[in-house]
Amino acid sequence: MHDHYFSCVVDNKAIYKLQALNWLWTLLASGTADRDEIIIHIIKGGDLAFSQILDYLGITFHMVDRFGEGEAAFCNKLVQLGTPELRQANCVVLCDTDIAFSKDIRPWLNTNAIRAKIADYPNPPLDVIRRLYAATGITARPRNARTDFSRHSTFEMNCNGGVYIIPTQWISVLSQSWVRWARFILERRDTPLVYRKHADQVGFCFAMLELGLPFEKLPLSLNFPTHFSPSEYSAVSHMNPLVYHYHRRMNQNGDLLPLGIPRFDTAIDQINEVIRTQRARLISSLPTATETFMQWQNNSIPEEPEVNTHFGLRHLLNKVIARMNSYRGAIRKSTRSEGIDRSQLTDLQATLVDFSSSKLGFFTQTPGRLHEYPWAINEAGDVYGKKMLDVGAGINPLPLWFASRGAHVVTADNHPIIRTGPGSPHWDEWGYLDYSSMDANVASLHCDIVDSGLDNNSFDIVYSISVLEHIRRSSRQLLIHKMASLLKADGILLLTLDLIRGTDNLWNMSEGKVVEKVDSHGDVESIITELTTENLLIRKQKKLTDISGGRTDIVLIKAVKSPFSA
């Protein structure tokens, strides 16, 4: 009987396969586990190359069905709970694939209690998790605890899912309850859509409360995140992490990106040296591995695309680098073709052009967006932890921008054209895109928000960039009513609208077709009246004229929902 097993679940995207190999190699190099103490679960339906690599490396693996689609995919880790081998050890450690081991963690493995680290931030917020818990009928009284990177609290056992240490004497009973409560959260209509991706961790919390199993908090050093800004680490800068949870902070090759803090970056460099050495060894000894890595690296678009050739594999990876340079060249060409004079851009405008090009493959040809997007960013302010809704999102960088800064974003668009990532220089703004495929902090709805089923009074910020003028007046009024209903009291509404040049009349065209006659469509005064009727208080209003290269004027409106709204 083994003392412990380490286990993870690998989904079909290339990035998860690169991460899983990082997990495996650092697990072995740190002395935390031997090869026969590791089990990898692969979601069915992917290519065979990953399983062939594991077989070559002598690693046990199992093909498993996925837990579900959409937000339920975040619960895929639960399918490993049914693996019989995991019960043939004293303890099992369940990990996300984006985990890298810096040191041996075996001294932390014991059979006295189930162990996991509290969430970094209160996700879901305490009021949401309390409301869900009240609906379970569980009688145990949960204890609150402060989250690791904020002053806010959550349930003590609302834990980050990167590392769970579970004595196998409890794994059977825990797995049944855990799966049941995860499905409970996914299936409840009152679970906010943006928080359903946390069903696995909240399901764990509810299962532990229901069963009353012994629990001990893991320290931050056993599940240390690296995806926050350096300023957020001041209180923990003395720490020596054993386990790094890097999320998507990796370059195209699979190397971990530095945090920007020397103490931690030294350890990350050592982790990367392990990864590079093992990758080079695999590529040199397994003939098919070279092409496999090229395909994975070409299909893996990390948070911050980088190509690092320092580690001496240039002769094997030249094709990958050439393809990445070609991709970046297409981006540069697409932005140049739009007539953007970068010398005239503000720092934020230039950053947005680059961000949109790297994420979506293009920056829009509509000149007004160079003014509308920065305005929305500035007026939204600090969005960390905020719940935001993009109405009529189409294809634009703002959902990914806000998500990268810690917001939980929902997008809604009912356009019949469906775009599938990664982005392309051939795209334009029109269409529906499932942004969750690019950032887990975004949930996308392919529908009109009037029919979305979203909860009233649930969003901190609702914004809409040049949408309301493209629909009929009667539809616009329904949409404004819905947006007002979705906003919390004191919530912010940000609107930009195109105007017929030289007038206050709303632009009355949509994709080259007249929406309705100008005199019926309305003007800026009509919009202000419609907003105030819904108890939305106008805080700022600005008109932009003579936009270089533009065919319209633009009005920018910031409103706040009255705290006295019914």
Protein backbone atom coordinates (compact mmCIF):
# COMPACT_ATOMS: atom_id res chain seq x y z
CA MET A 1 0.00 0.00 0.00
CA HIS A 2 1.33 3.40 -0.97
CA ASP A 3 1.61 6.15 1.59
CA HIS A 4 0.17 8.70 -0.85
CA TYR A 5 -0.94 9.32 -4.44
CA PHE A 6 -0.85 12.57 -6.39
CA SER A 7 -3.59 13.00 -9.00
CA CYS A 8 -4.83 15.56 -11.51
CA VAL A 9 -7.31 15.80 -14.40
CA VAL A 10 -6.19 17.07 -17.82
CA ASP A 11 -8.73 18.58 -20.20
CA ASN A 12 -8.27 18.58 -23.98
CA LYS A 13 -6.83 22.05 -24.55
CA ALA A 14 -3.12 22.19 -25.33
CA ILE A 15 -2.37 24.54 -22.44
CA TYR A 16 -3.52 21.95 -19.90
CA LYS A 17 -1.18 19.32 -21.36
CA LEU A 18 1.79 21.67 -21.08
CA GLN A 19 0.75 22.48 -17.51
CA ALA A 20 0.32 18.81 -16.61
CA LEU A 21 3.85 17.98 -17.71
CA ASN A 22 5.14 20.92 -15.62
CA TRP A 23 3.20 19.50 -12.67
CA LEU A 24 4.63 16.03 -13.24
CA TRP A 25 8.26 17.09 -13.70
CA THR A 26 8.33 19.42 -10.68
CA LEU A 27 6.53 16.83 -8.56
CA LEU A 28 9.30 14.33 -9.31
CA ALA A 29 12.20 16.78 -9.11
CA SER A 30 11.11 18.16 -5.73
CA GLY A 31 11.20 14.66 -4.24
CA THR A 32 7.52 14.90 -3.36
CA ALA A 33 6.49 11.76 -5.28
CA ASP A 34 7.86 8.81 -7.22
CA ARG A 35 6.50 7.82 -10.62
CA ASP A 36 4.39 5.00 -9.19
CA GLU A 37 2.71 7.49 -6.82
CA ILE A 38 1.29 9.63 -9.63
CA ILE A 39 -1.96 9.14 -11.53
CA ILE A 40 -3.09 11.43 -14.35
CA HIS A 41 -6.67 11.46 -15.63
CA ILE A 42 -7.26 12.54 -19.24
CA ILE A 43 -10.66 13.75 -20.43
CA LYS A 44 -11.79 11.61 -23.34
CA GLY A 45 -11.92 13.06 -26.83
CA GLY A 46 -8.46 14.60 -27.17
CA ASP A 47 -5.46 13.61 -29.26
CA LEU A 48 -3.41 10.53 -28.40
CA ALA A 49 -0.07 12.32 -28.23
CA PHE A 50 -0.36 13.22 -24.53
CA SER A 51 -1.22 9.68 -23.46
CA GLN A 52 1.67 8.38 -25.60
CA ILE A 53 4.05 10.72 -23.78
CA LEU A 54 2.77 9.57 -20.38
CA ASP A 55 3.13 5.96 -21.43
CA TYR A 56 6.71 6.63 -22.55
CA LEU A 57 7.45 8.32 -19.19
CA GLY A 58 6.02 5.38 -17.26
CA ILE A 59 3.16 7.35 -15.68
CA THR A 60 -0.18 5.71 -14.88
CA PHE A 61 -3.09 7.40 -16.61
CA HIS A 62 -6.82 6.83 -17.04
CA MET A 63 -9.22 8.10 -19.70
CA VAL A 64 -12.30 9.60 -18.03
CA ASP A 65 -15.57 11.23 -19.04
CA ARG A 66 -15.90 14.94 -18.39
CA PHE A 67 -18.09 16.16 -15.54
CA GLY A 68 -19.94 18.56 -17.81
CA GLU A 69 -19.77 21.40 -20.30
CA GLY A 70 -19.65 25.17 -19.85
CA GLU A 71 -19.31 26.20 -16.21
CA ALA A 72 -19.59 22.51 -15.24
CA ALA A 73 -16.21 21.90 -16.91
CA PHE A 74 -14.59 23.57 -13.90
CA CYS A 75 -15.79 20.53 -11.92
CA ASN A 76 -13.92 18.05 -14.11
CA LYS A 77 -11.50 17.44 -11.24
CA LEU A 78 -14.31 15.61 -9.43
CA VAL A 79 -14.25 12.70 -11.91
CA GLN A 80 -10.95 11.44 -10.45
CA LEU A 81 -12.64 10.75 -7.11
CA GLY A 82 -13.98 7.47 -8.51
CA THR A 83 -10.57 6.00 -9.40
CA PRO A 84 -10.10 2.78 -7.33
CA GLU A 85 -6.28 3.10 -7.12
CA LEU A 86 -6.59 6.30 -5.13
CA ARG A 87 -8.12 4.32 -2.29
CA GLN A 88 -5.04 2.09 -2.11
CA ALA A 89 -2.98 4.70 -0.24
CA ASN A 90 -3.18 6.42 3.09
CA CYS A 91 -3.60 9.84 1.55
CA VAL A 92 -4.40 11.35 -1.85
CA VAL A 93 -3.44 14.83 -3.07
CA LEU A 94 -5.74 16.25 -5.76
CA CYS A 95 -4.18 19.06 -7.79
CA ASP A 96 -5.00 21.45 -10.59
CA THR A 97 -2.64 21.13 -13.55
CA ASP A 98 -1.32 24.69 -13.13
CA ILE A 99 0.64 23.72 -10.01
CA ALA A 100 4.45 23.59 -9.78
CA PHE A 101 6.38 22.17 -6.82
CA SER A 102 9.43 23.99 -5.54
CA LYS A 103 10.16 21.78 -2.52
CA ASP A 104 9.14 18.45 -1.00
CA ILE A 105 5.72 18.73 0.64
CA ARG A 106 5.58 15.21 2.09
CA PRO A 107 5.95 16.51 5.69
CA TRP A 108 2.54 18.15 5.23
CA LEU A 109 0.82 14.91 4.30
CA ASN A 110 -0.98 13.24 7.20
CA THR A 111 -4.16 11.31 7.85
CA ASN A 112 -5.51 13.42 10.72
CA ALA A 113 -7.66 15.78 8.67
CA ILE A 114 -8.66 16.93 5.19
CA ARG A 115 -6.58 19.94 4.23
CA ALA A 116 -6.89 22.77 1.72
CA LYS A 117 -6.06 26.49 1.52
CA ILE A 118 -8.72 29.15 1.94
CA ALA A 119 -9.70 31.08 -1.20
CA ASP A 120 -7.45 33.97 -2.26
CA TYR A 121 -10.45 36.31 -2.51
CA PRO A 122 -14.10 35.92 -1.43
CA ASN A 123 -15.41 34.16 -4.54
CA PRO A 124 -18.31 33.82 -4.44
CA PRO A 125 -18.93 36.82 -2.16
CA LEU A 126 -20.06 36.02 1.36
CA ASP A 127 -23.65 37.09 0.75
CA VAL A 128 -23.90 34.75 -2.25
CA ILE A 129 -22.43 31.72 -0.50
CA ARG A 130 -24.64 32.35 2.54
CA ARG A 131 -27.75 32.45 0.35
CA LEU A 132 -26.78 29.22 -1.39
CA TYR A 133 -25.97 27.54 1.91
CA ALA A 134 -29.32 28.53 3.38
CA ALA A 135 -31.00 26.61 0.57
CA THR A 136 -29.12 23.37 1.31
CA GLY A 137 -30.87 22.53 4.57
CA ILE A 138 -27.54 21.63 6.17
CA THR A 139 -27.74 22.46 9.87
CA ALA A 140 -24.03 22.87 10.66
CA ARG A 141 -23.07 26.45 11.37
CA PRO A 142 -20.18 27.55 9.11
CA ARG A 143 -17.28 29.55 10.50
CA ASN A 144 -15.98 32.55 8.60
CA ALA A 145 -12.31 33.25 7.97
CA ARG A 146 -10.40 36.02 6.26
CA THR A 147 -9.26 35.28 2.71
CA ASP A 148 -5.54 35.29 1.94
CA PHE A 149 -5.38 38.35 -0.33
CA SER A 150 -8.18 40.58 0.92
CA ARG A 151 -9.67 41.93 4.11
CA HIS A 152 -12.94 40.19 3.32
CA SER A 153 -14.11 36.91 4.74
CA THR A 154 -15.68 33.76 3.35
CA PHE A 155 -16.65 30.38 4.79
CA GLU A 156 -13.57 28.79 6.34
CA MET A 157 -13.83 25.74 4.08
CA ASN A 158 -14.41 27.69 0.86
CA CYS A 159 -10.99 26.69 -0.42
CA ASN A 160 -8.95 27.26 -3.53
CA GLY A 161 -9.06 24.07 -5.60
CA GLY A 162 -5.37 23.97 -6.51
CA VAL A 163 -4.40 21.48 -3.80
CA TYR A 164 -6.58 19.17 -1.67
CA ILE A 165 -4.98 16.69 0.76
CA ILE A 166 -7.51 13.96 1.56
CA PRO A 167 -6.94 10.91 3.81
CA THR A 168 -8.44 8.01 1.89
CA GLN A 169 -10.50 6.82 4.85
CA TRP A 170 -12.90 9.67 3.96
CA ILE A 171 -12.61 9.84 0.18
CA SER A 172 -15.65 7.67 -0.63
CA VAL A 173 -18.13 9.50 1.56
CA LEU A 174 -16.65 12.90 0.65
CA SER A 175 -16.79 12.24 -3.09
CA GLN A 176 -20.51 11.41 -3.03
CA SER A 177 -21.42 14.53 -1.09
CA TRP A 178 -18.99 16.74 -3.00
CA VAL A 179 -20.42 15.77 -6.40
CA ARG A 180 -23.99 16.18 -5.16
CA TRP A 181 -23.45 19.70 -3.84
CA ALA A 182 -21.47 20.77 -6.90
CA ARG A 183 -24.42 19.77 -9.09
CA PHE A 184 -26.78 21.50 -6.68
CA ILE A 185 -24.92 24.79 -7.20
CA LEU A 186 -24.71 24.37 -10.98
CA GLU A 187 -28.40 23.58 -11.34
CA ARG A 188 -29.87 26.28 -9.10
CA ARG A 189 -31.29 29.19 -11.09
CA ASP A 190 -30.40 31.59 -8.28
CA THR A 191 -26.68 30.77 -8.53
CA PRO A 192 -25.25 33.82 -10.33
CA LEU A 193 -23.86 32.66 -13.66
CA VAL A 194 -20.47 34.24 -13.09
CA TYR A 195 -19.99 32.19 -9.88
CA ARG A 196 -21.04 28.78 -11.20
CA LYS A 197 -17.43 28.10 -12.16
CA HIS A 198 -16.76 27.95 -8.40
CA ALA A 199 -19.21 25.07 -7.95
CA ASP A 200 -16.40 22.60 -7.25
CA GLN A 201 -14.88 24.58 -4.39
CA VAL A 202 -18.24 25.60 -2.89
CA GLY A 203 -19.44 22.01 -3.29
CA PHE A 204 -16.40 20.88 -1.29
CA CYS A 205 -17.25 23.41 1.41
CA PHE A 206 -20.89 22.28 1.68
CA ALA A 207 -19.88 18.60 1.68
CA MET A 208 -17.47 19.18 4.54
CA LEU A 209 -20.14 21.02 6.52
CA GLU A 210 -22.70 18.30 5.84
CA LEU A 211 -20.38 15.46 6.84
CA GLY A 212 -18.61 17.16 9.72
CA LEU A 213 -15.25 15.73 8.67
CA PRO A 214 -12.08 17.04 10.36
CA PHE A 215 -10.51 19.97 8.50
CA GLU A 216 -7.25 21.89 8.77
CA LYS A 217 -6.30 24.92 6.71
CA LEU A 218 -3.25 24.59 4.50
CA PRO A 219 -0.85 27.53 4.72
CA LEU A 220 -0.50 29.91 1.80
CA SER A 221 2.97 28.51 1.05
CA LEU A 222 1.37 25.20 -0.02
CA ASN A 223 -0.76 26.85 -2.72
CA PHE A 224 0.84 30.17 -3.57
CA PRO A 225 -0.76 32.15 -6.46
CA THR A 226 1.41 34.10 -8.90
CA HIS A 227 -1.24 35.79 -11.05
CA PHE A 228 -1.74 38.98 -9.01
CA SER A 229 0.11 42.28 -9.41
CA PRO A 230 3.39 42.56 -7.44
CA SER A 231 1.92 45.22 -5.14
CA GLU A 232 -0.50 42.67 -3.67
CA TYR A 233 2.34 40.56 -2.20
CA SER A 234 3.76 43.10 0.24
CA ALA A 235 2.32 41.30 3.28
CA VAL A 236 3.78 37.92 2.23
CA SER A 237 7.09 38.99 0.67
CA HIS A 238 8.99 37.07 3.39
CA MET A 239 7.43 33.74 2.45
CA ASN A 240 9.19 30.71 0.93
CA PRO A 241 6.47 28.93 -1.06
CA LEU A 242 6.67 25.18 -1.58
CA VAL A 243 3.94 25.08 -4.21
CA TYR A 244 3.34 27.74 -6.90
CA HIS A 245 -0.15 28.09 -8.42
CA TYR A 246 0.63 30.01 -11.61
CA HIS A 247 -2.75 29.77 -13.41
CA ARG A 248 -2.13 30.82 -17.04
CA ARG A 249 1.01 32.81 -16.29
CA MET A 250 3.25 30.86 -18.63
CA ASN A 251 4.83 31.61 -21.97
CA GLN A 252 4.21 29.81 -25.24
CA ASN A 253 6.78 27.13 -24.40
CA GLY A 254 5.20 26.32 -21.04
CA ASP A 255 7.73 28.14 -18.84
CA LEU A 256 6.36 29.96 -15.80
CA LEU A 257 6.42 33.76 -16.05
CA PRO A 258 8.23 35.72 -13.34
CA LEU A 259 6.19 37.50 -10.70
CA GLY A 260 8.40 40.57 -10.58
CA ILE A 261 9.55 39.96 -6.99
CA PRO A 262 13.16 38.66 -6.78
CA ARG A 263 12.57 36.28 -3.85
CA PHE A 264 9.85 34.42 -5.72
CA ASP A 265 11.40 34.79 -9.18
CA THR A 266 14.53 32.95 -8.02
CA ALA A 267 12.40 29.92 -7.16
CA ILE A 268 10.45 30.26 -10.41
CA ASP A 269 13.75 30.27 -12.33
CA GLN A 270 14.71 27.02 -10.59
CA ILE A 271 11.33 25.50 -11.46
CA ASN A 272 11.78 26.56 -15.09
CA GLU A 273 15.22 24.97 -15.20
CA VAL A 274 13.64 21.65 -14.18
CA ILE A 275 10.93 22.04 -16.81
CA ARG A 276 13.35 22.96 -19.60
CA THR A 277 15.75 20.14 -18.76
CA GLN A 278 13.00 17.52 -18.71
CA ARG A 279 11.39 18.90 -21.85
CA ALA A 280 14.71 18.80 -23.71
CA ARG A 281 15.32 15.23 -22.51
CA LEU A 282 11.89 14.14 -23.71
CA ILE A 283 12.24 15.83 -27.10
CA SER A 284 15.68 14.32 -27.69
CA SER A 285 14.60 10.79 -26.77
CA LEU A 286 11.05 10.55 -28.17
CA PRO A 287 10.98 11.29 -31.93
CA THR A 288 7.29 12.29 -32.02
CA ALA A 289 7.64 14.74 -29.12
CA THR A 290 9.13 17.57 -31.19
CA GLU A 291 6.11 17.93 -33.45
CA THR A 292 3.75 17.37 -30.53
CA PHE A 293 5.26 20.27 -28.60
CA MET A 294 5.17 22.47 -31.68
CA GLN A 295 1.45 21.81 -32.08
CA TRP A 296 0.71 22.38 -28.40
CA GLN A 297 2.73 25.57 -28.23
CA ASN A 298 1.07 26.90 -31.38
CA ASN A 299 -2.39 26.15 -29.96
CA SER A 300 -1.70 27.45 -26.46
CA ILE A 301 -2.39 31.17 -26.10
CA PRO A 302 -1.27 32.14 -22.58
CA GLU A 303 -2.18 35.28 -20.66
CA GLU A 304 1.02 37.06 -21.72
CA PRO A 305 2.41 35.61 -24.97
CA GLU A 306 6.19 35.27 -24.83
CA VAL A 307 8.68 33.10 -26.64
CA ASN A 308 11.74 32.22 -24.57
CA THR A 309 14.46 30.43 -26.51
CA HIS A 310 17.17 30.81 -23.88
CA PHE A 311 17.04 27.19 -22.80
CA GLY A 312 18.97 25.70 -25.73
CA LEU A 313 16.12 24.06 -27.70
CA ARG A 314 16.32 26.49 -30.60
CA HIS A 315 17.22 23.79 -33.08
CA LEU A 316 14.03 21.90 -32.19
CA LEU A 317 11.66 24.85 -31.80
CA ASN A 318 12.53 27.13 -34.72
CA LYS A 319 9.28 26.24 -36.42
CA VAL A 320 7.28 27.26 -33.36
CA ILE A 321 9.07 30.58 -33.10
CA ALA A 322 8.61 31.26 -36.81
CA ARG A 323 4.89 30.58 -36.51
CA MET A 324 4.60 32.88 -33.49
CA ASN A 325 6.47 35.63 -35.32
CA SER A 326 4.16 35.13 -38.26
CA TYR A 327 1.17 35.45 -35.92
CA ARG A 328 2.57 38.62 -34.37
CA GLY A 329 3.35 39.98 -37.83
CA ALA A 330 -0.28 39.46 -38.77
CA ILE A 331 -1.28 41.42 -35.69
CA ARG A 332 1.05 44.28 -36.55
CA LYS A 333 -0.16 44.26 -40.13
CA SER A 334 -3.80 44.28 -39.10
CA THR A 335 -3.35 47.23 -36.76
CA ARG A 336 -1.34 49.16 -39.36
CA SER A 337 -3.97 48.52 -42.01
CA GLU A 338 -6.54 50.25 -39.83
CA GLY A 339 -4.69 53.53 -40.24
CA ILE A 340 -3.76 53.87 -36.57
CA ASP A 341 -1.00 56.42 -36.09
CA ARG A 342 0.58 55.14 -32.87
CA SER A 343 2.50 58.38 -32.38
CA GLN A 344 -0.82 60.11 -31.72
CA LEU A 345 -2.08 57.58 -29.15
CA THR A 346 -2.15 57.99 -25.41
CA ASP A 347 -0.45 55.29 -23.34
CA LEU A 348 -3.80 53.67 -22.54
CA GLN A 349 -4.91 53.74 -26.18
CA ALA A 350 -1.66 52.12 -27.32
CA THR A 351 -1.91 49.49 -24.59
CA LEU A 352 -5.49 48.70 -25.64
CA VAL A 353 -4.50 48.31 -29.28
CA ASP A 354 -1.79 45.83 -28.29
CA PHE A 355 -4.04 44.04 -25.80
CA SER A 356 -6.87 43.64 -28.33
CA SER A 357 -4.46 42.49 -31.03
CA SER A 358 -2.87 39.87 -28.78
CA LYS A 359 -6.20 38.56 -27.42
CA LEU A 360 -8.53 38.91 -30.40
CA GLY A 361 -6.15 39.12 -33.35
CA PHE A 362 -7.26 42.62 -34.34
CA PHE A 363 -8.16 46.10 -33.16
CA THR A 364 -11.34 47.49 -34.63
CA GLN A 365 -11.32 49.78 -37.64
CA THR A 366 -13.96 52.01 -36.01
CA PRO A 367 -12.03 55.16 -34.99
CA GLY A 368 -14.41 56.06 -32.17
CA ARG A 369 -13.44 52.99 -30.17
CA LEU A 370 -10.05 54.60 -29.45
CA HIS A 371 -12.03 57.06 -27.35
CA GLU A 372 -14.90 54.90 -26.09
CA TYR A 373 -12.87 52.00 -24.67
CA PRO A 374 -10.46 54.16 -22.61
CA TRP A 375 -13.38 56.26 -21.37
CA ALA A 376 -15.21 53.16 -20.14
CA ILE A 377 -12.05 51.87 -18.43
CA ASN A 378 -11.41 55.15 -16.67
CA GLU A 379 -15.01 55.63 -15.56
CA ALA A 380 -15.28 52.04 -14.29
CA GLY A 381 -12.32 52.66 -11.97
CA ASP A 382 -11.03 49.84 -9.78
CA VAL A 383 -13.01 46.78 -10.87
CA TYR A 384 -11.33 44.12 -8.74
CA GLY A 385 -14.02 41.81 -7.36
CA LYS A 386 -16.77 43.74 -9.16
CA LYS A 387 -19.49 41.99 -11.13
CA MET A 388 -19.85 43.55 -14.59
CA LEU A 389 -22.19 43.08 -17.56
CA ASP A 390 -21.31 43.92 -21.17
CA VAL A 391 -24.56 44.39 -23.10
CA GLY A 392 -24.26 43.66 -26.82
CA ALA A 393 -20.61 42.76 -26.38
CA GLY A 394 -19.91 41.63 -29.94
CA ILE A 395 -16.16 41.22 -30.32
CA ASN A 396 -14.35 43.76 -28.18
CA PRO A 397 -11.40 43.73 -25.74
CA LEU A 398 -13.17 45.18 -22.69
CA PRO A 399 -14.50 41.89 -21.19
CA LEU A 400 -11.01 40.39 -21.26
CA TRP A 401 -9.43 43.65 -20.07
CA PHE A 402 -11.74 43.93 -17.05
CA ALA A 403 -11.41 40.20 -16.29
CA SER A 404 -7.62 40.47 -16.34
CA ARG A 405 -7.97 43.12 -13.64
CA GLY A 406 -10.01 40.94 -11.32
CA ALA A 407 -13.60 41.64 -12.39
CA HIS A 408 -16.19 38.92 -12.90
CA VAL A 409 -17.68 39.73 -16.30
CA VAL A 410 -20.82 38.50 -18.04
CA THR A 411 -21.25 39.23 -21.74
CA ALA A 412 -24.53 39.04 -23.63
CA ASP A 413 -25.05 39.19 -27.38
CA ASN A 414 -27.60 37.48 -29.62
CA HIS A 415 -25.83 38.04 -32.95
CA PRO A 416 -26.27 35.04 -35.31
CA ILE A 417 -22.59 34.98 -36.31
CA ILE A 418 -20.68 32.81 -33.82
CA ARG A 419 -16.94 33.40 -33.53
CA THR A 420 -14.67 30.70 -32.10
CA GLY A 421 -11.23 31.46 -30.69
CA PRO A 422 -8.39 32.06 -30.87
CA GLY A 423 -8.83 35.49 -32.41
CA SER A 424 -8.16 36.34 -36.02
CA PRO A 425 -7.00 39.44 -37.93
CA HIS A 426 -9.97 38.77 -40.22
CA TRP A 427 -12.57 39.36 -37.50
CA ASP A 428 -14.54 42.54 -36.95
CA GLU A 429 -16.75 43.73 -34.07
CA TRP A 430 -19.88 41.90 -35.19
CA GLY A 431 -20.73 38.46 -33.81
CA TYR A 432 -21.03 36.38 -30.65
CA LEU A 433 -17.91 35.14 -28.89
CA ASP A 434 -17.73 32.84 -25.87
CA TYR A 435 -15.11 34.81 -23.95
CA SER A 436 -14.93 32.14 -21.25
CA SER A 437 -12.75 30.13 -23.66
CA MET A 438 -10.16 32.91 -23.27
CA ASP A 439 -10.59 33.86 -19.62
CA ALA A 440 -12.32 31.92 -16.88
CA ASN A 441 -13.41 35.19 -15.25
CA VAL A 442 -15.86 35.79 -18.11
CA ALA A 443 -19.20 34.07 -18.66
CA SER A 444 -20.88 34.59 -22.06
CA LEU A 445 -24.57 34.38 -22.92
CA HIS A 446 -25.75 33.97 -26.51
CA CYS A 447 -29.06 35.73 -25.99
CA ASP A 448 -30.82 39.05 -25.50
CA ILE A 449 -30.38 40.12 -21.88
CA VAL A 450 -34.13 40.73 -21.64
CA ASP A 451 -34.52 36.94 -21.86
CA SER A 452 -31.29 36.02 -20.02
CA GLY A 453 -32.67 35.07 -16.61
CA LEU A 454 -29.97 37.16 -14.90
CA ASP A 455 -30.76 38.23 -11.35
CA ASN A 456 -32.02 41.75 -10.70
CA ASN A 457 -29.88 44.00 -8.50
CA SER A 458 -26.84 41.78 -9.08
CA PHE A 459 -24.33 43.86 -11.09
CA ASP A 460 -21.99 46.57 -9.86
CA ILE A 461 -21.36 47.93 -13.36
CA VAL A 462 -23.31 47.55 -16.59
CA TYR A 463 -21.79 48.96 -19.75
CA SER A 464 -22.71 49.01 -23.42
CA ILE A 465 -20.49 50.34 -26.20
CA SER A 466 -22.35 51.71 -29.20
CA VAL A 467 -25.32 49.33 -29.04
CA LEU A 468 -28.50 51.18 -28.12
CA GLU A 469 -28.53 53.34 -31.26
CA HIS A 470 -28.53 50.21 -33.47
CA ILE A 471 -31.95 48.95 -32.31
CA ARG A 472 -35.47 50.32 -32.60
CA ARG A 473 -36.65 52.84 -30.00
CA SER A 474 -39.18 50.44 -28.46
CA SER A 475 -36.50 47.73 -28.07
CA ARG A 476 -34.08 50.29 -26.68
CA GLN A 477 -36.51 51.29 -23.96
CA LEU A 478 -36.98 47.65 -22.92
CA LEU A 479 -33.23 47.22 -22.85
CA ILE A 480 -32.67 50.28 -20.69
CA HIS A 481 -35.34 49.05 -18.28
CA LYS A 482 -33.62 45.67 -18.06
CA MET A 483 -30.18 47.18 -17.53
CA ALA A 484 -31.54 49.36 -14.73
CA SER A 485 -33.17 46.31 -13.12
CA LEU A 486 -29.93 44.33 -13.22
CA LEU A 487 -27.90 47.08 -11.53
CA LYS A 488 -27.45 47.16 -7.77
CA ALA A 489 -28.41 50.33 -5.94
CA ASP A 490 -25.64 52.88 -6.60
CA GLY A 491 -24.45 50.66 -9.45
CA ILE A 492 -22.84 52.33 -12.46
CA LEU A 493 -24.19 52.39 -16.03
CA LEU A 494 -21.77 53.36 -18.80
CA LEU A 495 -23.15 54.03 -22.29
CA THR A 496 -21.61 55.23 -25.53
CA LEU A 497 -23.81 56.02 -28.52
CA ASP A 498 -23.13 57.10 -32.10
CA LEU A 499 -24.79 60.29 -33.29
CA ILE A 500 -25.48 61.52 -36.79
CA ARG A 501 -22.58 63.87 -37.38
CA GLY A 502 -23.24 67.50 -36.52
CA THR A 503 -26.52 66.70 -34.70
CA ASP A 504 -27.84 65.22 -31.45
CA ASN A 505 -29.83 62.60 -33.37
CA LEU A 506 -29.03 58.96 -32.68
CA TRP A 507 -27.35 57.05 -35.51
CA ASN A 508 -30.14 55.03 -37.12
CA MET A 509 -28.21 52.36 -39.06
CA SER A 510 -27.27 48.78 -38.15
CA GLU A 511 -24.96 46.70 -40.37
CA GLY A 512 -25.78 48.93 -43.34
CA LYS A 513 -29.57 48.90 -42.86
CA VAL A 514 -31.88 51.66 -41.62
CA VAL A 515 -33.31 50.76 -38.20
CA GLU A 516 -36.11 53.35 -38.30
CA LYS A 517 -36.64 56.95 -39.42
CA VAL A 518 -34.45 59.58 -37.76
CA ASP A 519 -37.37 61.51 -36.29
CA SER A 520 -38.78 58.32 -34.73
CA HIS A 521 -35.45 56.96 -33.53
CA GLY A 522 -34.71 59.65 -30.95
CA ASP A 523 -31.85 61.85 -29.85
CA VAL A 524 -29.62 62.48 -26.84
CA GLU A 525 -32.48 64.12 -24.94
CA SER A 526 -34.60 60.99 -25.56
CA ILE A 527 -31.87 58.80 -24.05
CA ILE A 528 -31.55 61.03 -20.97
CA THR A 529 -35.32 60.94 -20.44
CA GLU A 530 -35.41 57.14 -20.80
CA LEU A 531 -32.59 56.77 -18.28
CA THR A 532 -34.04 59.10 -15.66
CA THR A 533 -37.42 57.39 -16.00
CA GLU A 534 -35.68 54.22 -14.76
CA ASN A 535 -34.25 56.04 -11.69
CA LEU A 536 -30.83 56.31 -13.28
CA LEU A 537 -29.13 59.54 -12.22
CA ILE A 538 -26.93 61.19 -14.85
CA ARG A 539 -23.48 61.84 -13.45
CA LYS A 540 -21.49 62.66 -16.59
CA GLN A 541 -22.36 63.46 -20.18
CA LYS A 542 -19.87 64.34 -22.90
CA LYS A 543 -20.12 64.73 -26.65
CA LEU A 544 -17.20 63.93 -28.95
CA THR A 545 -17.12 65.61 -32.36
CA ASP A 546 -14.74 65.75 -35.31
CA ILE A 547 -13.31 62.29 -34.58
CA SER A 548 -10.45 61.70 -37.00
CA GLY A 549 -11.54 59.20 -39.64
CA GLY A 550 -14.97 58.78 -38.08
CA ARG A 551 -18.33 59.23 -39.73
CA THR A 552 -20.29 59.87 -36.54
CA ASP A 553 -20.16 61.95 -33.40
CA ILE A 554 -20.34 60.15 -30.06
CA VAL A 555 -22.04 60.81 -26.74
CA LEU A 556 -20.62 59.31 -23.54
CA ILE A 557 -23.01 58.91 -20.59
CA LYS A 558 -22.31 57.78 -17.03
CA ALA A 559 -25.32 57.17 -14.81
CA VAL A 560 -25.80 55.75 -11.33
CA LYS A 561 -28.81 53.80 -10.11
CA SER A 562 -30.65 55.70 -7.41
CA PRO A 563 -30.27 54.04 -3.99
CA PHE A 564 -33.99 54.69 -3.52
CA SER A 565 -35.05 52.66 -6.56
CA ALA A 566 -37.87 50.24 -5.89
